[in-house]
Amino acid sequence: MKATAKYLGPTAALHGKPERRKRSRLSYNECVKQPANQSTQTASATGVDAIIEAYKKDVDRTLIRENLRLTVDGRFQQLMKLQQFAEELRRAGKDAQARR
């Protein structure tokens, strides 16, 4: 048997031909079961709307709106402040554990 640089699968050597691997890319509509009496667009929109409504109750949309009003630079500045704050918290946690 010839050595190849690429692994062709366990059955390649048995059958003398490379094993073909199927790439699976499912769309949203293929993953969600749809009622038979509704069109694809209506059914997927209904499913998406139900998911969105379920998450809306837990999301503070005013924060999202405020963030979208900022420029890209403003968003990056906020991110850097958040990262600095997180680092301060980590340092404080390590200091508190060291004192124990």
Protein backbone atom coordinates (compact mmCIF):
# COMPACT_ATOMS: atom_id res chain seq x y z
CA MET A 1 0.00 0.00 0.00
CA LYS A 2 1.27 3.44 -0.92
CA ALA A 3 1.71 6.00 1.82
CA THR A 4 -0.08 9.26 1.16
CA ALA A 5 0.22 12.58 2.85
CA LYS A 6 -3.52 12.84 3.32
CA TYR A 7 -5.61 10.48 5.45
CA LEU A 8 -8.41 9.17 3.29
CA GLY A 9 -10.40 7.26 5.88
CA PRO A 10 -10.56 3.72 7.22
CA THR A 11 -12.20 2.17 4.16
CA ALA A 12 -9.89 3.66 1.56
CA ALA A 13 -7.35 0.84 1.76
CA LEU A 14 -10.05 -1.83 1.66
CA HIS A 15 -11.77 -0.61 -1.50
CA GLY A 16 -8.82 0.91 -3.30
CA LYS A 17 -10.45 4.32 -3.58
CA PRO A 18 -10.49 7.36 -1.35
CA GLU A 19 -13.39 7.81 1.02
CA ARG A 20 -15.45 10.85 0.21
CA ARG A 21 -16.47 12.88 3.18
CA LYS A 22 -19.70 14.79 2.91
CA ARG A 23 -19.65 18.34 4.10
CA SER A 24 -22.79 19.17 5.93
CA ARG A 25 -23.95 22.75 5.83
CA LEU A 26 -27.52 23.00 6.95
CA SER A 27 -29.41 26.20 6.58
CA TYR A 28 -31.72 27.49 9.28
CA ASN A 29 -34.77 26.32 7.30
CA GLU A 30 -33.40 22.78 7.03
CA CYS A 31 -32.86 22.59 10.80
CA VAL A 32 -36.29 23.87 11.81
CA LYS A 33 -39.34 21.73 11.14
CA GLN A 34 -41.97 23.70 9.34
CA PRO A 35 -45.71 23.15 9.19
CA ALA A 36 -46.83 21.63 5.89
CA ASN A 37 -49.56 24.22 5.29
CA GLN A 38 -47.33 27.31 5.60
CA SER A 39 -44.79 28.72 3.22
CA THR A 40 -41.09 28.51 4.04
CA GLN A 41 -40.75 32.24 4.62
CA THR A 42 -43.72 32.45 6.99
CA ALA A 43 -42.71 29.38 8.99
CA SER A 44 -39.11 30.44 9.45
CA ALA A 45 -40.15 33.98 10.37
CA THR A 46 -42.56 32.59 12.96
CA GLY A 47 -39.82 30.41 14.47
CA VAL A 48 -37.34 33.28 14.51
CA ASP A 49 -39.90 35.65 16.04
CA ALA A 50 -40.63 33.20 18.84
CA ILE A 51 -36.92 32.85 19.60
CA ILE A 52 -36.39 36.61 19.54
CA GLU A 53 -39.37 37.20 21.84
CA ALA A 54 -38.03 34.62 24.30
CA TYR A 55 -34.68 36.45 24.53
CA LYS A 56 -36.08 40.00 24.53
CA LYS A 57 -37.30 39.78 28.11
CA ASP A 58 -33.74 39.23 29.35
CA VAL A 59 -32.02 41.91 27.27
CA ASP A 60 -31.75 45.57 28.21
CA ARG A 61 -32.21 47.13 24.80
CA THR A 62 -31.44 50.64 26.08
CA LEU A 63 -27.81 49.55 26.57
CA ILE A 64 -27.70 48.24 23.02
CA ARG A 65 -29.13 51.51 21.68
CA GLU A 66 -26.63 53.57 23.68
CA ASN A 67 -23.78 51.46 22.41
CA LEU A 68 -24.95 51.76 18.79
CA ARG A 69 -25.03 55.55 19.11
CA LEU A 70 -21.28 55.54 19.84
CA THR A 71 -18.67 55.70 17.15
CA VAL A 72 -16.43 52.71 16.53
CA ASP A 73 -13.66 54.48 18.48
CA GLY A 74 -16.06 55.10 21.35
CA ARG A 75 -16.97 51.41 21.46
CA PHE A 76 -13.31 50.42 21.51
CA GLN A 77 -12.64 52.89 24.33
CA GLN A 78 -15.49 51.34 26.32
CA LEU A 79 -14.06 47.90 25.66
CA MET A 80 -10.61 48.97 26.85
CA LYS A 81 -12.11 50.42 30.05
CA LEU A 82 -13.96 47.15 30.64
CA GLN A 83 -10.76 45.16 30.13
CA GLN A 84 -8.88 47.41 32.55
CA PHE A 85 -11.64 46.96 35.13
CA ALA A 86 -11.55 43.17 34.66
CA GLU A 87 -7.78 43.19 35.17
CA GLU A 88 -8.18 45.23 38.38
CA LEU A 89 -10.71 42.70 39.64
CA ARG A 90 -8.34 39.81 38.86
CA ARG A 91 -5.51 41.56 40.67
CA ALA A 92 -7.72 42.28 43.68
CA GLY A 93 -8.84 38.64 43.77
CA LYS A 94 -5.24 37.39 43.68
CA ASP A 95 -4.27 39.86 46.44
CA ALA A 96 -7.20 38.71 48.59
CA GLN A 97 -6.24 35.05 48.15
CA ALA A 98 -2.60 35.78 48.95
CA ARG A 99 -3.59 37.43 52.25
CA ARG A 100 -5.46 34.32 53.45
